[in-house]
Amino acid sequence: MQWESLTGDQFAEAVTSTQGVCLVPLSVVERHAHHLPLGTDTYIGREICQRAAQLEPVMIFPDFIFTQILEARHLPGTIALDPDLILKLLDNVCREIARNGFKKIILFSSHGGNGSLAPFFAQTQLASPRDYVVYVANPRFEPEEAAALDAQWSTPVWDHAGESETSAILTIRPDLVHMDRITPGEGEPQGRLKTLGDHGAYTAIWWYADHPTHYAGDGQPATREKGELYLKTMAQALSRVVKTVKADKVSKRLQDEFFAASQHG
């Protein structure tokens, strides 16, 4: 169920029916090549969460679009907040979710740039006592699911505005996809920092070095059918995360134990 769609009178029952579990879709507003909308990650994250909720009841918080996207500040349409503000805002949101009765909060990111942000934010939850637990969802596919997905892709699965994301938006909002604007070859990495990467050195400018126009992969082979299977499979995997979190009785106990011990040095 969608948080903002409920009336105040329906809310208390929603807390009970979802067993106090809330799913927070983390996304962003950024360029996705020439052919996809700025809200690509938002559309995809929202769709996966809604489909997962149909399989395993859970509250879905409104789209949280204010996440890490500093690497796209040079491109029109990007909304890039200060890092400390992102962390403070997300922490405040989680506290408000918990205050409203949801003591298990699952962060699900549809934006690759949050790969470091979400786990770090989860670690910051140990800075001070709280009466809720934050989980980071990393949905895992069953072997047969992974095989079915692998079989349908013509290009590497990891992409940005490539085959998988383009296929997903063709399923969700085909009216926002402009296949005729795809520039062949533009999604290939430029390799301007390849030597650093080959020797295990990381720098924040790595993404700009490879993909300055925010296009990685190839969107040309995308189809609506591929998008449907991708979204369905992701939703199934996410629903299993939700179910597992609902059954978890250990994390909160250990967290309380940790906080009690930490007060005494």
Protein backbone atom coordinates (compact mmCIF):
# COMPACT_ATOMS: atom_id res chain seq x y z
CA MET A 1 0.00 0.00 0.00
CA GLN A 2 1.10 3.53 -0.74
CA TRP A 3 1.62 5.82 2.26
CA GLU A 4 0.23 8.97 0.64
CA SER A 5 -2.88 7.19 -0.69
CA LEU A 6 -4.26 6.33 2.75
CA THR A 7 -6.55 8.40 4.90
CA GLY A 8 -5.54 9.10 8.48
CA ASP A 9 -8.25 6.70 9.62
CA GLN A 10 -6.78 3.88 7.52
CA PHE A 11 -3.25 4.37 8.74
CA ALA A 12 -3.36 2.47 12.04
CA GLU A 13 -4.75 -0.62 10.33
CA ALA A 14 -2.03 -0.35 7.71
CA VAL A 15 0.66 -0.52 10.38
CA THR A 16 -0.88 -3.74 11.66
CA SER A 17 -1.53 -5.37 8.30
CA THR A 18 2.05 -4.76 7.15
CA GLN A 19 3.50 -5.91 10.50
CA GLY A 20 5.13 -2.53 10.91
CA VAL A 21 7.38 -2.83 7.86
CA CYS A 22 7.94 0.13 5.56
CA LEU A 23 9.73 0.10 2.21
CA VAL A 24 11.53 3.30 1.20
CA PRO A 25 12.33 3.55 -2.53
CA LEU A 26 15.56 5.51 -2.96
CA SER A 27 16.02 7.04 -6.38
CA VAL A 28 17.30 10.23 -7.97
CA VAL A 29 16.69 12.76 -10.72
CA GLU A 30 19.45 12.65 -13.33
CA ARG A 31 20.14 12.38 -17.04
CA HIS A 32 19.66 8.99 -18.68
CA ALA A 33 21.28 9.45 -22.09
CA HIS A 34 19.27 11.15 -24.85
CA HIS A 35 16.33 8.77 -24.85
CA LEU A 36 15.09 8.20 -21.27
CA PRO A 37 13.48 10.58 -18.74
CA LEU A 38 15.30 12.20 -15.85
CA GLY A 39 13.09 10.22 -13.48
CA THR A 40 14.04 6.80 -14.89
CA ASP A 41 15.31 5.48 -11.54
CA THR A 42 12.23 6.84 -9.77
CA TYR A 43 9.80 5.16 -12.16
CA ILE A 44 11.66 1.85 -11.93
CA GLY A 45 12.05 1.89 -8.15
CA ARG A 46 8.40 2.78 -7.61
CA GLU A 47 7.20 0.05 -9.96
CA ILE A 48 9.32 -2.66 -8.36
CA CYS A 49 8.18 -1.67 -4.86
CA GLN A 50 4.52 -1.63 -5.87
CA ARG A 51 4.80 -5.04 -7.50
CA ALA A 52 6.63 -6.43 -4.47
CA ALA A 53 3.88 -5.12 -2.18
CA GLN A 54 1.31 -7.07 -4.17
CA LEU A 55 3.25 -10.24 -3.35
CA GLU A 56 4.09 -9.40 0.28
CA PRO A 57 2.06 -6.64 2.00
CA VAL A 58 4.26 -3.70 2.98
CA MET A 59 3.90 0.05 3.37
CA ILE A 60 5.59 2.02 0.57
CA PHE A 61 6.90 5.44 1.52
CA PRO A 62 6.69 8.22 -1.12
CA ASP A 63 9.60 8.35 -3.56
CA PHE A 64 12.78 9.54 -1.83
CA ILE A 65 14.60 11.20 -4.73
CA PHE A 66 17.20 13.14 -2.73
CA THR A 67 20.14 10.76 -2.82
CA GLN A 68 23.75 10.74 -4.05
CA ILE A 69 24.16 12.14 -7.58
CA LEU A 70 27.01 14.65 -7.35
CA GLU A 71 28.62 13.04 -10.41
CA ALA A 72 25.82 14.44 -12.60
CA ARG A 73 25.92 18.08 -11.47
CA HIS A 74 27.32 19.09 -14.87
CA LEU A 75 24.16 17.92 -16.68
CA PRO A 76 20.79 19.75 -16.96
CA GLY A 77 17.93 18.57 -14.78
CA THR A 78 20.04 16.97 -12.05
CA ILE A 79 18.99 17.50 -8.42
CA ALA A 80 22.15 17.06 -6.33
CA LEU A 81 21.92 17.91 -2.65
CA ASP A 82 24.82 18.46 -0.25
CA PRO A 83 26.04 15.13 1.20
CA ASP A 84 25.45 16.07 4.84
CA LEU A 85 21.92 17.24 4.01
CA ILE A 86 21.13 13.92 2.29
CA LEU A 87 22.15 11.96 5.39
CA LYS A 88 20.32 14.28 7.76
CA LEU A 89 17.17 14.26 5.64
CA LEU A 90 17.09 10.48 5.30
CA ASP A 91 17.69 10.07 9.02
CA ASN A 92 14.85 12.48 9.79
CA VAL A 93 12.55 10.62 7.41
CA CYS A 94 13.36 7.28 9.04
CA ARG A 95 12.66 8.73 12.49
CA GLU A 96 9.30 9.99 11.25
CA ILE A 97 8.46 6.63 9.69
CA ALA A 98 9.23 4.95 13.01
CA ARG A 99 7.25 7.54 14.97
CA ASN A 100 4.26 6.59 12.86
CA GLY A 101 4.53 2.96 13.94
CA PHE A 102 6.85 1.33 11.41
CA LYS A 103 9.76 -0.09 13.37
CA LYS A 104 11.30 -2.00 10.48
CA ILE A 105 12.44 0.22 7.61
CA ILE A 106 13.78 -1.24 4.38
CA LEU A 107 15.78 0.96 2.01
CA PHE A 108 15.54 -0.17 -1.61
CA SER A 109 17.63 1.73 -4.12
CA SER A 110 17.02 1.80 -7.86
CA HIS A 111 19.98 4.14 -8.38
CA GLY A 112 23.48 2.70 -8.78
CA GLY A 113 25.03 5.80 -7.25
CA ASN A 114 23.61 4.78 -3.86
CA GLY A 115 25.73 1.65 -3.64
CA SER A 116 27.91 3.22 -0.96
CA LEU A 117 25.38 5.66 0.50
CA ALA A 118 22.76 3.15 1.68
CA PRO A 119 25.13 0.82 3.61
CA PHE A 120 26.94 3.81 5.13
CA PHE A 121 23.64 5.33 6.22
CA ALA A 122 22.67 2.01 7.81
CA GLN A 123 25.95 2.06 9.77
CA THR A 124 25.22 5.57 11.04
CA GLN A 125 22.16 4.16 12.80
CA LEU A 126 24.50 2.79 15.46
CA ALA A 127 25.60 6.29 16.47
CA SER A 128 22.76 6.67 18.97
CA PRO A 129 19.94 4.53 20.41
CA ARG A 130 16.72 4.21 18.44
CA ASP A 131 13.62 2.05 18.65
CA TYR A 132 13.64 0.87 15.05
CA VAL A 133 15.90 -1.01 12.66
CA VAL A 134 17.01 0.09 9.20
CA TYR A 135 17.65 -2.63 6.62
CA VAL A 136 19.24 -2.23 3.19
CA ALA A 137 17.65 -4.42 0.54
CA ASN A 138 19.97 -6.24 -1.86
CA PRO A 139 17.48 -8.58 -3.58
CA ARG A 140 18.95 -11.94 -4.61
CA PHE A 141 17.67 -13.96 -7.56
CA GLU A 142 16.94 -17.65 -7.41
CA PRO A 143 19.12 -19.63 -9.86
CA GLU A 144 16.26 -20.14 -12.30
CA GLU A 145 15.35 -16.44 -12.15
CA ALA A 146 18.92 -15.38 -12.84
CA ALA A 147 19.14 -17.83 -15.74
CA ALA A 148 15.93 -16.51 -17.32
CA LEU A 149 17.13 -12.93 -17.07
CA ASP A 150 20.61 -13.71 -18.38
CA ALA A 151 19.08 -15.50 -21.35
CA GLN A 152 17.11 -12.48 -22.50
CA TRP A 153 19.85 -9.84 -22.44
CA SER A 154 21.85 -9.05 -25.56
CA THR A 155 24.23 -6.74 -23.70
CA PRO A 156 25.88 -6.71 -20.24
CA VAL A 157 23.22 -6.46 -17.51
CA TRP A 158 24.90 -3.56 -15.71
CA ASP A 159 23.99 -0.40 -17.55
CA HIS A 160 22.76 3.16 -17.28
CA ALA A 161 20.03 3.90 -19.81
CA GLY A 162 21.08 0.69 -21.52
CA GLU A 163 19.13 -2.45 -22.33
CA SER A 164 17.65 -3.21 -18.90
CA GLU A 165 16.63 0.32 -17.89
CA THR A 166 15.30 1.12 -21.34
CA SER A 167 13.30 -2.11 -21.33
CA ALA A 168 11.88 -1.27 -17.90
CA ILE A 169 10.73 2.21 -18.95
CA LEU A 170 9.25 0.77 -22.16
CA THR A 171 7.09 -1.33 -19.82
CA ILE A 172 6.25 1.38 -17.29
CA ARG A 173 6.05 4.56 -19.38
CA PRO A 174 6.59 3.82 -23.09
CA ASP A 175 5.43 7.34 -23.90
CA LEU A 176 8.61 8.71 -22.28
CA VAL A 177 11.07 6.61 -24.31
CA HIS A 178 12.64 8.05 -27.46
CA MET A 179 14.32 5.11 -29.17
CA ASP A 180 15.11 7.24 -32.23
CA ARG A 181 17.42 9.43 -30.12
CA ILE A 182 19.79 6.62 -29.13
CA THR A 183 23.34 7.33 -30.31
CA PRO A 184 25.07 4.03 -31.24
CA GLY A 185 28.36 3.55 -29.42
CA GLU A 186 27.94 6.49 -27.06
CA GLY A 187 27.42 4.15 -24.11
CA GLU A 188 30.86 2.57 -24.41
CA PRO A 189 33.27 3.47 -21.56
CA GLN A 190 35.90 6.01 -22.59
CA GLY A 191 38.56 4.46 -20.37
CA ARG A 192 40.21 7.77 -19.49
CA LEU A 193 41.20 6.46 -16.03
CA LYS A 194 41.70 2.82 -16.98
CA THR A 195 45.24 2.68 -15.64
CA LEU A 196 44.11 3.78 -12.19
CA GLY A 197 41.29 1.25 -12.15
CA ASP A 198 43.52 -1.58 -13.35
CA HIS A 199 45.79 -0.97 -10.38
CA GLY A 200 43.01 -0.70 -7.81
CA ALA A 201 42.91 3.07 -7.36
CA TYR A 202 39.50 4.71 -6.97
CA THR A 203 38.66 8.36 -7.52
CA ALA A 204 35.26 10.07 -7.47
CA ILE A 205 35.63 11.28 -11.04
CA TRP A 206 35.70 7.69 -12.40
CA TRP A 207 32.12 7.77 -13.70
CA TYR A 208 32.61 11.07 -15.52
CA ALA A 209 35.84 9.71 -16.97
CA ASP A 210 34.00 6.77 -18.55
CA HIS A 211 30.46 8.10 -19.12
CA PRO A 212 30.34 11.93 -19.24
CA THR A 213 26.94 11.94 -20.98
CA HIS A 214 25.46 9.49 -18.45
CA TYR A 215 24.94 6.65 -20.87
CA ALA A 216 26.43 3.22 -20.23
CA GLY A 217 25.57 0.18 -22.30
CA ASP A 218 23.26 -0.03 -25.30
CA GLY A 219 19.54 0.66 -25.21
CA GLN A 220 18.88 -0.43 -28.78
CA PRO A 221 18.02 -4.11 -28.01
CA ALA A 222 15.49 -3.09 -25.34
CA THR A 223 11.91 -4.37 -25.56
CA ARG A 224 8.80 -4.11 -23.43
CA GLU A 225 8.79 -7.90 -22.98
CA LYS A 226 12.30 -7.82 -21.52
CA GLY A 227 11.25 -5.03 -19.20
CA GLU A 228 8.26 -7.00 -17.96
CA LEU A 229 10.38 -10.02 -17.02
CA TYR A 230 12.99 -7.80 -15.37
CA LEU A 231 10.44 -5.93 -13.25
CA LYS A 232 8.58 -9.11 -12.32
CA THR A 233 11.77 -10.86 -11.26
CA MET A 234 13.04 -7.89 -9.27
CA ALA A 235 9.70 -7.62 -7.48
CA GLN A 236 9.75 -11.29 -6.57
CA ALA A 237 13.25 -10.97 -5.15
CA LEU A 238 12.34 -7.81 -3.21
CA SER A 239 9.21 -9.43 -1.80
CA ARG A 240 11.42 -12.17 -0.34
CA VAL A 241 13.49 -9.49 1.38
CA VAL A 242 10.31 -8.01 2.88
CA LYS A 243 9.14 -11.42 4.07
CA THR A 244 12.52 -12.13 5.66
CA VAL A 245 12.56 -8.78 7.44
CA LYS A 246 9.07 -9.40 8.80
CA ALA A 247 10.27 -12.65 10.35
CA ASP A 248 13.44 -11.11 11.81
CA LYS A 249 13.35 -11.08 15.61
CA VAL A 250 17.09 -10.90 16.16
CA SER A 251 18.29 -7.56 14.78
CA LYS A 252 16.29 -5.36 17.17
CA ARG A 253 17.30 -7.46 20.18
CA LEU A 254 20.98 -7.27 19.26
CA GLN A 255 20.71 -3.56 18.48
CA ASP A 256 19.20 -2.90 21.92
CA GLU A 257 21.92 -5.01 23.52
CA PHE A 258 24.57 -3.06 21.63
CA PHE A 259 23.14 0.33 22.62
CA ALA A 260 22.94 -0.71 26.28
CA ALA A 261 26.56 -1.87 26.26
CA SER A 262 27.77 1.22 24.43
CA GLN A 263 26.42 3.52 27.12
CA HIS A 264 28.99 2.10 29.54
CA GLY A 265 32.02 2.32 27.27
